[in-house]
Every structure is written in C-alpha cells, then in structure tokens.
C-alpha atoms as a PDB file:
ATOM      1  CA  GLN A   1      -7.123   5.660   6.074  1.00  0.00           C
ATOM      2  CA  VAL A   2      -5.216   5.223   2.582  1.00  0.00           C
ATOM      3  CA  GLN A   3      -2.205   3.023   1.662  1.00  0.00           C
ATOM      4  CA  LEU A   4      -0.582   3.048  -1.747  1.00  0.00           C
ATOM      5  CA  VAL A   5       2.109   0.581  -3.067  1.00  0.00           C
ATOM      6  CA  GLU A   6       4.216   1.478  -6.256  1.00  0.00           C
ATOM      7  CA  SER A   7       5.557  -1.282  -8.436  1.00  0.00           C
ATOM      8  CA  GLY A   8       6.977  -1.502 -12.086  1.00  0.00           C
ATOM      9  CA  GLY A   9      10.501   0.310 -11.371  1.00  0.00           C
ATOM     10  CA  ASP A  10      13.431  -1.396 -13.125  1.00  0.00           C
ATOM     11  CA  LEU A  11      16.535  -0.883 -14.696  1.00  0.00           C
ATOM     12  CA  VAL A  12      16.122   0.244 -18.549  1.00  0.00           C
ATOM     13  CA  GLN A  13      18.296   1.618 -21.599  1.00  0.00           C
ATOM     14  CA  ALA A  14      17.711   5.094 -22.900  1.00  0.00           C
ATOM     15  CA  GLY A  15      14.864   5.091 -25.164  1.00  0.00           C
ATOM     16  CA  GLY A  16      12.982   2.568 -23.390  1.00  0.00           C
ATOM     17  CA  SER A  17       9.516   2.285 -21.794  1.00  0.00           C
ATOM     18  CA  LEU A  18       7.964   1.551 -18.338  1.00  0.00           C
ATOM     19  CA  ARG A  19       4.693   1.372 -16.931  1.00  0.00           C
ATOM     20  CA  LEU A  20       4.475   2.116 -13.157  1.00  0.00           C
ATOM     21  CA  SER A  21       1.647   1.061 -10.951  1.00  0.00           C
ATOM     22  CA  CYS A  22       0.239   2.478  -7.764  1.00  0.00           C
ATOM     23  CA  ALA A  23      -2.456   0.207  -5.991  1.00  0.00           C
ATOM     24  CA  ALA A  24      -4.434   1.946  -3.261  1.00  0.00           C
ATOM     25  CA  SER A  25      -6.751   0.704  -0.288  1.00  0.00           C
ATOM     26  CA  GLY A  26      -9.645   2.562   0.940  1.00  0.00           C
ATOM     27  CA  SER A  27     -13.069   3.449  -0.042  1.00  0.00           C
ATOM     28  CA  ILE A  28     -12.309   6.998  -1.193  1.00  0.00           C
ATOM     29  CA  PHE A  29      -9.883   6.436  -3.967  1.00  0.00           C
ATOM     30  CA  SER A  30     -12.628   6.479  -6.834  1.00  0.00           C
ATOM     31  CA  SER A  31     -13.248  10.314  -5.602  1.00  0.00           C
ATOM     32  CA  THR A  32      -9.580  11.128  -4.860  1.00  0.00           C
ATOM     33  CA  ALA A  33      -7.278  13.057  -7.491  1.00  0.00           C
ATOM     34  CA  MET A  34      -3.840  11.194  -7.700  1.00  0.00           C
ATOM     35  CA  GLY A  35      -0.381  12.336  -8.590  1.00  0.00           C
ATOM     36  CA  TRP A  36       2.971  11.204  -9.407  1.00  0.00           C
ATOM     37  CA  THR A  37       6.221  12.655  -8.399  1.00  0.00           C
ATOM     38  CA  ARG A  38       9.919  11.789  -8.299  1.00  0.00           C
ATOM     39  CA  GLN A  39      13.332  12.692  -6.558  1.00  0.00           C
ATOM     40  CA  ALA A  40      16.516  12.052  -8.094  1.00  0.00           C
ATOM     41  CA  PRO A  41      19.983  12.048  -5.752  1.00  0.00           C
ATOM     42  CA  GLY A  42      20.804  15.460  -4.820  1.00  0.00           C
ATOM     43  CA  LYS A  43      17.585  17.268  -6.361  1.00  0.00           C
ATOM     44  CA  GLN A  44      14.596  18.214  -5.147  1.00  0.00           C
ATOM     45  CA  ARG A  45      10.973  16.309  -5.626  1.00  0.00           C
ATOM     46  CA  GLU A  46       9.454  17.074  -8.931  1.00  0.00           C
ATOM     47  CA  LEU A  47       5.772  16.937  -9.520  1.00  0.00           C
ATOM     48  CA  LEU A  48       4.948  15.169 -13.014  1.00  0.00           C
ATOM     49  CA  GLY A  49       1.488  15.283 -13.332  1.00  0.00           C
ATOM     50  CA  TYR A  50      -1.943  14.506 -11.447  1.00  0.00           C
ATOM     51  CA  ILE A  51      -4.972  12.765 -12.361  1.00  0.00           C
ATOM     52  CA  SER A  52      -8.674  13.754 -11.408  1.00  0.00           C
ATOM     53  CA  SER A  53     -11.346  11.288 -10.188  1.00  0.00           C
ATOM     54  CA  GLN A  54     -12.750  11.425 -13.367  1.00  0.00           C
ATOM     55  CA  GLY A  55      -9.872  10.791 -15.485  1.00  0.00           C
ATOM     56  CA  SER A  56      -8.700  14.373 -16.559  1.00  0.00           C
ATOM     57  CA  THR A  57      -4.954  14.742 -16.457  1.00  0.00           C
ATOM     58  CA  THR A  58      -2.520  17.597 -15.946  1.00  0.00           C
ATOM     59  CA  TYR A  59       1.235  17.356 -16.931  1.00  0.00           C
ATOM     60  CA  VAL A  60       4.328  19.609 -16.242  1.00  0.00           C
ATOM     61  CA  ASP A  61       5.913  21.037 -19.585  1.00  0.00           C
ATOM     62  CA  PHE A  62       8.935  18.849 -19.353  1.00  0.00           C
ATOM     63  CA  VAL A  63       7.318  15.147 -19.451  1.00  0.00           C
ATOM     64  CA  LYS A  64       4.310  16.265 -21.926  1.00  0.00           C
ATOM     65  CA  GLY A  65       4.164  13.618 -24.980  1.00  0.00           C
ATOM     66  CA  ARG A  66       6.430  10.962 -23.550  1.00  0.00           C
ATOM     67  CA  PHE A  67       4.476  10.459 -19.964  1.00  0.00           C
ATOM     68  CA  THR A  68       0.795   9.489 -19.615  1.00  0.00           C
ATOM     69  CA  LEU A  69      -1.335   9.010 -16.516  1.00  0.00           C
ATOM     70  CA  SER A  70      -4.455   6.697 -16.581  1.00  0.00           C
ATOM     71  CA  ARG A  71      -6.575   5.179 -13.809  1.00  0.00           C
ATOM     72  CA  ASP A  72      -8.664   2.241 -13.285  1.00  0.00           C
ATOM     73  CA  ASN A  73     -11.225   2.859 -10.213  1.00  0.00           C
ATOM     74  CA  ALA A  74     -12.490  -0.585 -10.586  1.00  0.00           C
ATOM     75  CA  LYS A  75      -9.164  -2.096  -9.771  1.00  0.00           C
ATOM     76  CA  ARG A  76      -8.121   0.776  -7.986  1.00  0.00           C
ATOM     77  CA  ILE A  77      -4.930   1.407  -9.657  1.00  0.00           C
ATOM     78  CA  VAL A  78      -3.270   4.327 -11.064  1.00  0.00           C
ATOM     79  CA  TYR A  79      -0.752   4.424 -13.974  1.00  0.00           C
ATOM     80  CA  LEU A  80       2.047   6.046 -15.154  1.00  0.00           C
ATOM     81  CA  GLN A  81       3.329   5.135 -18.561  1.00  0.00           C
ATOM     82  CA  MET A  82       6.660   6.578 -19.506  1.00  0.00           C
ATOM     83  CA  ASN A  83       8.142   6.171 -23.044  1.00  0.00           C
ATOM     84  CA  ASN A  84      11.048   7.505 -24.738  1.00  0.00           C
ATOM     85  CA  LEU A  85      13.151   7.437 -21.584  1.00  0.00           C
ATOM     86  CA  LYS A  86      16.198   9.332 -20.944  1.00  0.00           C
ATOM     87  CA  PRO A  87      18.980   9.287 -18.277  1.00  0.00           C
ATOM     88  CA  GLU A  88      17.925  12.143 -16.510  1.00  0.00           C
ATOM     89  CA  ASP A  89      14.524  10.442 -15.775  1.00  0.00           C
ATOM     90  CA  THR A  90      16.648   8.411 -13.193  1.00  0.00           C
ATOM     91  CA  ALA A  91      14.956   8.932  -9.878  1.00  0.00           C
ATOM     92  CA  VAL A  92      12.437   7.465  -7.215  1.00  0.00           C
ATOM     93  CA  TYR A  93       8.945   7.481  -8.247  1.00  0.00           C
ATOM     94  CA  TYR A  94       6.135   8.481  -5.660  1.00  0.00           C
ATOM     95  CA  CYS A  95       2.626   8.199  -6.097  1.00  0.00           C
ATOM     96  CA  HIS A  96       0.502  10.301  -3.937  1.00  0.00           C
ATOM     97  CA  THR A  97      -3.260  11.698  -3.169  1.00  0.00           C
ATOM     98  CA  LEU A  98      -3.967  15.393  -3.603  1.00  0.00           C
ATOM     99  CA  GLY A  99      -6.329  17.899  -1.924  1.00  0.00           C
ATOM    100  CA  MET A 100      -6.112  15.848   1.417  1.00  0.00           C
ATOM    101  CA  SER A 101      -4.390  16.868   4.739  1.00  0.00           C
ATOM    102  CA  PRO A 102      -2.351  14.948   5.296  1.00  0.00           C
ATOM    103  CA  VAL A 103      -1.118  13.853   1.740  1.00  0.00           C
ATOM    104  CA  PHE A 104      -0.712  10.067   1.687  1.00  0.00           C
ATOM    105  CA  TRP A 105       2.469   8.734  -0.239  1.00  0.00           C
ATOM    106  CA  GLY A 106       3.507   5.336  -1.410  1.00  0.00           C
ATOM    107  CA  GLN A 107       6.841   3.923  -0.455  1.00  0.00           C
ATOM    108  CA  GLY A 108       8.602   4.593  -3.985  1.00  0.00           C
ATOM    109  CA  THR A 109       9.813   2.806  -6.748  1.00  0.00           C
ATOM    110  CA  GLN A 110      13.112   2.893  -8.196  1.00  0.00           C
ATOM    111  CA  VAL A 111      13.470   3.758 -12.110  1.00  0.00           C
ATOM    112  CA  THR A 112      16.858   3.831 -13.687  1.00  0.00           C
ATOM    113  CA  VAL A 113      17.851   4.473 -17.100  1.00  0.00           C
ATOM    114  CA  SER A 114      21.216   3.908 -18.471  1.00  0.00           C
ATOM    115  CA  SER A 115      23.174   5.745 -21.493  1.00  0.00           C
END
C-alpha cells in the first residue's frame, strides 16, 4: 500500500549540512503524517520529529534549532534538513508513517559525521 525510499545520506564533516529525502508511493500520502527516526550502532531508535499532512511539525528537544522537517505533497516527498551536524548524529535515518497499523518504514539512509 505504501512504499518509502530515503536518499541523501553521506559522509560530512562536523558543522556541515545535509538534506535527506523520502519519496513515497501510494495515493494516501497527502493525508498521512510522516516521521523521521534514527538508529546509531548500539543504541535504541530515536524519534526525531514528525510532520502532519498539512505541514505542522513537532520535534524532540535535542534537535530543535538544527533539524527541520518539510513536505511537498505534489511531489510526494518528505524532507529532513539537518544543519550544524555533530559526530553524535551518525546513524541510519528512516522515514515512516504515523497513525496507521502497521507502520510503513523506508530502508534507511546512512549519515556519517566525522570529527
């Protein structure tokens, strides 16, 4: 029903920026809330934030001021803009749906921040 494909992960230096993209298939995208979650080696998954179908956003405290979620419903893409990256941001980043059972996940994209 829903297919999600992340892209944009890369190796960057501390202080740099990346924009991750999540391309979605399915006719329900424009009415579906979307989230971004990351997982670093040896750590639990961390929800970063989510964006409603109308574009309102919610973030966890530790990314406020650095990360920004946005979406383009016409293109069926959700974005995660990440600025002032730190080595602790190194992780696999996933986009996913919210408010549905089951939750649909992308395959993830690797972000590595060097020091």
